[in-house]
């Protein structure tokens, strides 16, 4: 596995302690030489400044960084201002998303969907940004059908996206089926596989229920059988996720994007297992 095809996601810390912990984790992960780090963007823009601050700190450390940009709650004018700031700061990569509507939120904003956001970014900034968009091998939880979801994905690419990052999954067949279906409708950009290390059974179940990621029954039952045995959960998680990554790489996945949850050890454990084989 080439590090050129390997990237890591963080979320903006909300406390000084969180900032310090992320700096420590980032220093460890930077030693793996990922292609870039991405930084998420809160619902309704709630962490917009935190996203930018974290990205700028990563850049100052000499690493490439990509802020997430959501169109939820934004206007064309506000998104234009953010894009101008990104350009002024020398940021060259964006992860463009519709974003999740916060609870009780009234509307999506002037730009309703990610394809409209991508189109707007291109209209405003030309080819300045390398734009990544989201993909859902197991179908977006709000999609009316797999066919609709695939067409929505195709629209984002047609609007000017350079590549895609998938929601995490544990069924490699879902990724390969989605990739092949996308190719059949003319989508030819790289579709990078999103990878979630397994460290906490309860947390994983909660995240997966929210985002529609399926936990295979055998994995779920095995994790549940460990109870509070954190060491066994983590060791089993490394085995499962490493095997998944190996199958994805062997099957032609163009890259892996790790959802680190601002922790270094889980991603490092999988990565080091991969490169040692």
Protein backbone atom coordinates (compact mmCIF):
# COMPACT_ATOMS: atom_id res chain seq x y z
CA UNK A 1 0.00 0.00 0.00
CA UNK A 2 1.42 3.35 -1.06
CA UNK A 3 1.13 6.18 1.47
CA UNK A 4 0.25 8.45 -1.47
CA UNK A 5 -3.19 6.83 -1.41
CA UNK A 6 -3.72 7.03 2.34
CA UNK A 7 -5.48 9.89 4.19
CA UNK A 8 -6.84 10.53 7.68
CA UNK A 9 -9.84 12.46 9.01
CA UNK A 10 -10.06 14.50 12.22
CA UNK A 11 -12.84 16.52 13.81
CA UNK A 12 -12.21 20.01 15.26
CA UNK A 13 -11.56 19.80 19.02
CA UNK A 14 -13.98 21.78 21.20
CA UNK A 15 -11.79 22.17 24.30
CA UNK A 16 -8.17 23.12 25.01
CA UNK A 17 -7.62 19.57 26.25
CA UNK A 18 -9.00 18.24 22.97
CA UNK A 19 -6.64 20.48 21.02
CA UNK A 20 -3.66 19.13 22.96
CA UNK A 21 -4.77 15.51 22.51
CA UNK A 22 -5.21 15.99 18.78
CA UNK A 23 -1.76 17.53 18.44
CA UNK A 24 -0.25 14.45 20.07
CA UNK A 25 -2.31 12.06 17.93
CA UNK A 26 -1.54 14.03 14.77
CA UNK A 27 2.19 13.95 15.41
CA UNK A 28 2.06 10.15 15.63
CA UNK A 29 -0.10 9.79 12.54
CA UNK A 30 2.02 12.26 10.55
CA UNK A 31 4.91 9.81 10.93
CA UNK A 32 2.94 7.48 8.61
CA UNK A 33 3.18 10.17 5.87
CA UNK A 34 -0.47 10.23 4.74
CA UNK A 35 -1.30 12.13 1.56
CA UNK A 36 -3.38 14.63 3.53
CA UNK A 37 -5.48 15.15 6.66
CA UNK A 38 -9.12 16.21 6.39
CA UNK A 39 -11.04 18.11 9.06
CA UNK A 40 -14.81 17.82 9.45
CA UNK A 41 -17.35 20.63 9.46
CA UNK A 42 -20.14 20.73 12.05
CA UNK A 43 -23.85 20.63 11.27
CA UNK A 44 -25.07 24.06 10.24
CA UNK A 45 -21.50 25.36 10.24
CA UNK A 46 -21.18 25.05 14.01
CA UNK A 47 -17.45 24.30 13.88
CA UNK A 48 -16.52 26.38 10.84
CA UNK A 49 -13.84 28.37 12.68
CA UNK A 50 -12.60 25.27 14.47
CA UNK A 51 -12.26 23.52 11.11
CA UNK A 52 -10.20 26.35 9.65
CA UNK A 53 -8.04 26.73 12.76
CA UNK A 54 -7.23 23.01 12.74
CA UNK A 55 -6.48 23.01 9.00
CA UNK A 56 -4.15 25.99 9.33
CA UNK A 57 -2.31 24.35 12.22
CA UNK A 58 -1.86 21.19 10.16
CA UNK A 59 -0.55 23.24 7.23
CA UNK A 60 1.84 25.10 9.52
CA UNK A 61 3.25 21.73 10.55
CA UNK A 62 4.06 21.05 6.90
CA UNK A 63 1.22 18.69 6.00
CA UNK A 64 -1.52 18.94 3.38
CA UNK A 65 -4.97 19.53 4.84
CA UNK A 66 -8.50 19.56 3.47
CA UNK A 67 -11.38 21.29 5.26
CA UNK A 68 -14.84 19.84 4.93
CA UNK A 69 -17.34 22.36 3.61
CA UNK A 70 -21.08 21.89 4.13
CA UNK A 71 -23.84 23.84 2.43
CA UNK A 72 -26.35 23.31 5.27
CA UNK A 73 -27.51 26.65 6.61
CA UNK A 74 -25.24 28.61 4.29
CA UNK A 75 -25.92 31.27 1.68
CA UNK A 76 -24.03 31.75 -1.55
CA UNK A 77 -22.48 34.84 -0.01
CA UNK A 78 -21.32 33.02 3.13
CA UNK A 79 -19.89 30.10 1.15
CA UNK A 80 -18.16 32.57 -1.18
CA UNK A 81 -16.53 34.24 1.84
CA UNK A 82 -15.31 30.86 3.14
CA UNK A 83 -13.88 29.94 -0.26
CA UNK A 84 -12.04 33.24 -0.47
CA UNK A 85 -10.55 32.63 2.97
CA UNK A 86 -9.48 29.12 1.97
CA UNK A 87 -7.77 30.47 -1.14
CA UNK A 88 -6.02 33.23 0.78
CA UNK A 89 -4.68 30.61 3.20
CA UNK A 90 -3.32 28.49 0.35
CA UNK A 91 -5.76 25.63 0.89
CA UNK A 92 -6.01 23.56 -2.29
CA UNK A 93 -8.31 20.67 -1.34
CA UNK A 94 -11.93 20.62 -0.10
CA UNK A 95 -14.30 17.85 0.96
CA UNK A 96 -17.67 19.20 -0.25
CA UNK A 97 -20.78 17.85 1.47
CA UNK A 98 -24.43 18.64 1.89
CA UNK A 99 -23.99 18.01 5.59
CA UNK A 100 -26.46 16.81 8.19
CA UNK A 101 -29.36 19.00 9.22
CA UNK A 102 -29.16 19.80 12.95
CA UNK A 103 -32.12 18.75 15.07
CA UNK A 104 -34.96 21.26 14.66
CA UNK A 105 -33.20 23.00 11.77
CA UNK A 106 -35.61 24.65 9.36
CA UNK A 107 -33.97 24.34 5.96
CA UNK A 108 -30.90 23.40 4.03
CA UNK A 109 -29.93 26.90 2.90
CA UNK A 110 -29.55 28.42 -0.56
CA UNK A 111 -27.40 25.54 -1.76
CA UNK A 112 -29.57 22.50 -1.07
CA UNK A 113 -27.43 19.60 -2.23
CA UNK A 114 -23.77 18.72 -2.55
CA UNK A 115 -23.90 18.85 -6.36
CA UNK A 116 -25.06 22.48 -6.12
CA UNK A 117 -22.20 23.21 -3.71
CA UNK A 118 -19.65 21.61 -6.05
CA UNK A 119 -21.05 23.54 -9.01
CA UNK A 120 -20.85 26.77 -6.99
CA UNK A 121 -17.24 26.10 -5.93
CA UNK A 122 -16.26 25.53 -9.55
CA UNK A 123 -18.09 28.66 -10.73
CA UNK A 124 -16.41 30.77 -8.06
CA UNK A 125 -12.89 29.33 -8.05
CA UNK A 126 -12.39 27.38 -11.28
CA UNK A 127 -9.86 24.59 -10.86
CA UNK A 128 -8.20 26.01 -7.75
CA UNK A 129 -9.56 23.27 -5.47
CA UNK A 130 -9.30 19.51 -5.66
CA UNK A 131 -12.85 18.57 -4.61
CA UNK A 132 -13.77 15.35 -2.85
CA UNK A 133 -17.41 14.35 -2.37
CA UNK A 134 -19.14 11.63 -0.37
CA UNK A 135 -20.27 8.23 -1.65
CA UNK A 136 -22.45 5.61 0.03
CA UNK A 137 -21.74 1.97 -0.94
CA UNK A 138 -24.60 0.80 1.31
CA UNK A 139 -26.94 3.62 0.15
CA UNK A 140 -27.47 6.97 1.86
CA UNK A 141 -29.97 6.52 4.70
CA UNK A 142 -32.21 9.26 3.28
CA UNK A 143 -32.11 8.05 -0.33
CA UNK A 144 -35.39 6.95 -1.90
CA UNK A 145 -33.69 4.02 -3.62
CA UNK A 146 -30.23 2.73 -4.56
CA UNK A 147 -30.83 4.02 -8.10
CA UNK A 148 -31.65 7.52 -6.85
CA UNK A 149 -28.61 7.48 -4.60
CA UNK A 150 -26.36 6.48 -7.49
CA UNK A 151 -27.76 9.27 -9.66
CA UNK A 152 -27.22 11.77 -6.85
CA UNK A 153 -23.61 10.66 -6.66
CA UNK A 154 -23.20 10.96 -10.43
CA UNK A 155 -24.57 14.52 -10.30
CA UNK A 156 -21.89 15.52 -7.79
CA UNK A 157 -19.18 14.20 -10.06
CA UNK A 158 -20.71 15.81 -13.14
CA UNK A 159 -20.76 19.12 -11.26
CA UNK A 160 -16.96 18.99 -11.04
CA UNK A 161 -15.80 16.68 -8.23
CA UNK A 162 -12.33 15.19 -8.66
CA UNK A 163 -12.78 12.17 -6.41
CA UNK A 164 -15.01 10.62 -3.76
CA UNK A 165 -14.63 9.24 -0.24
CA UNK A 166 -17.09 6.61 0.90
CA UNK A 167 -18.98 6.28 4.14
CA UNK A 168 -17.33 3.57 6.18
CA UNK A 169 -18.46 -0.03 5.69
CA UNK A 170 -17.34 -3.53 6.62
CA UNK A 171 -18.62 -5.41 3.56
CA UNK A 172 -16.12 -5.14 0.73
CA UNK A 173 -18.68 -6.48 -1.75
CA UNK A 174 -20.83 -3.40 -1.16
CA UNK A 175 -17.90 -1.20 -2.17
CA UNK A 176 -17.10 -3.18 -5.30
CA UNK A 177 -20.74 -3.31 -6.38
CA UNK A 178 -21.09 0.45 -5.90
CA UNK A 179 -17.86 1.19 -7.75
CA UNK A 180 -18.90 -0.97 -10.68
CA UNK A 181 -22.39 0.55 -10.79
CA UNK A 182 -20.87 4.03 -10.77
CA UNK A 183 -18.63 3.14 -13.70
CA UNK A 184 -21.68 1.92 -15.65
CA UNK A 185 -23.32 5.35 -15.33
CA UNK A 186 -20.16 7.11 -16.49
CA UNK A 187 -18.52 8.02 -13.16
CA UNK A 188 -14.77 7.57 -13.63
CA UNK A 189 -13.26 9.49 -10.70
CA UNK A 190 -11.36 7.63 -7.94
CA UNK A 191 -13.69 6.31 -5.22
CA UNK A 192 -11.59 6.09 -2.06
CA UNK A 193 -12.77 3.66 0.62
CA UNK A 194 -13.65 5.15 3.99
CA UNK A 195 -12.32 3.04 6.87
CA UNK A 196 -13.52 3.14 10.49
CA UNK A 197 -11.24 1.33 12.97
CA UNK A 198 -13.17 -0.65 15.60
CA UNK A 199 -12.43 0.32 19.19
CA UNK A 200 -15.76 0.55 21.03
CA UNK A 201 -18.78 -1.67 20.35
CA UNK A 202 -21.46 0.65 21.76
CA UNK A 203 -20.09 3.70 19.96
CA UNK A 204 -19.78 1.81 16.69
CA UNK A 205 -23.38 0.61 16.87
CA UNK A 206 -24.61 4.15 17.57
CA UNK A 207 -22.63 5.67 14.68
CA UNK A 208 -23.70 2.91 12.32
CA UNK A 209 -27.38 3.30 13.17
CA UNK A 210 -27.12 7.01 12.37
CA UNK A 211 -25.26 6.74 9.07
CA UNK A 212 -26.71 3.52 7.70
CA UNK A 213 -23.47 1.51 7.80
CA UNK A 214 -24.13 -2.21 8.23
CA UNK A 215 -22.20 -4.21 10.82
CA UNK A 216 -22.09 -7.81 9.54
CA UNK A 217 -23.91 -10.14 11.92
CA UNK A 218 -20.84 -12.23 12.68
CA UNK A 219 -18.83 -9.12 13.54
CA UNK A 220 -21.62 -7.68 15.68
CA UNK A 221 -22.11 -10.91 17.65
CA UNK A 222 -18.39 -11.36 18.17
CA UNK A 223 -17.98 -7.79 19.45
CA UNK A 224 -20.99 -8.18 21.74
CA UNK A 225 -19.53 -11.40 23.15
CA UNK A 226 -16.49 -9.53 24.46
CA UNK A 227 -18.61 -7.44 26.83
CA UNK A 228 -16.39 -4.87 28.56
CA UNK A 229 -13.15 -6.54 27.44
CA UNK A 230 -11.76 -3.52 25.60
CA UNK A 231 -8.47 -5.19 24.69
CA UNK A 232 -10.25 -8.07 22.94
CA UNK A 233 -12.58 -5.69 21.11
CA UNK A 234 -9.63 -3.68 19.82
CA UNK A 235 -7.58 -6.73 18.84
CA UNK A 236 -10.52 -8.26 16.96
CA UNK A 237 -11.21 -4.87 15.37
CA UNK A 238 -7.67 -4.67 13.99
CA UNK A 239 -8.06 -8.13 12.48
CA UNK A 240 -11.41 -7.31 10.84
CA UNK A 241 -10.43 -3.90 9.51
CA UNK A 242 -7.01 -5.03 8.26
CA UNK A 243 -8.59 -7.92 6.36
CA UNK A 244 -11.13 -5.50 4.87
CA UNK A 245 -8.37 -3.10 3.76
CA UNK A 246 -6.35 -5.92 2.22
CA UNK A 247 -9.34 -7.07 0.19
CA UNK A 248 -10.10 -3.53 -0.94
CA UNK A 249 -6.52 -2.90 -2.04
CA UNK A 250 -6.35 -6.24 -3.84
CA UNK A 251 -9.62 -5.42 -5.59
CA UNK A 252 -8.33 -2.11 -6.92
CA UNK A 253 -9.54 0.48 -4.41
CA UNK A 254 -7.54 3.64 -5.24
CA UNK A 255 -7.02 4.61 -1.62
CA UNK A 256 -8.05 4.36 2.04
CA UNK A 257 -9.40 7.26 4.11
CA UNK A 258 -9.29 6.52 7.85
CA UNK A 259 -11.87 8.02 10.21
CA UNK A 260 -9.50 8.44 13.16
CA UNK A 261 -11.91 9.89 15.74
CA UNK A 262 -8.89 12.00 16.76
CA UNK A 263 -7.06 8.89 18.01
CA UNK A 264 -3.73 7.68 16.68
CA UNK A 265 -3.41 4.09 17.89
CA UNK A 266 -6.36 2.43 16.09
CA UNK A 267 -5.38 3.74 12.65
CA UNK A 268 -1.69 3.09 13.26
CA UNK A 269 -2.40 -0.52 14.29
CA UNK A 270 -4.20 -1.23 11.01
CA UNK A 271 -1.71 0.68 8.90
CA UNK A 272 1.34 -1.00 10.41
CA UNK A 273 -0.27 -4.42 9.90
CA UNK A 274 -0.91 -3.55 6.25
CA UNK A 275 2.60 -2.37 5.45
CA UNK A 276 4.25 -5.28 7.27
CA UNK A 277 2.63 -7.85 4.93
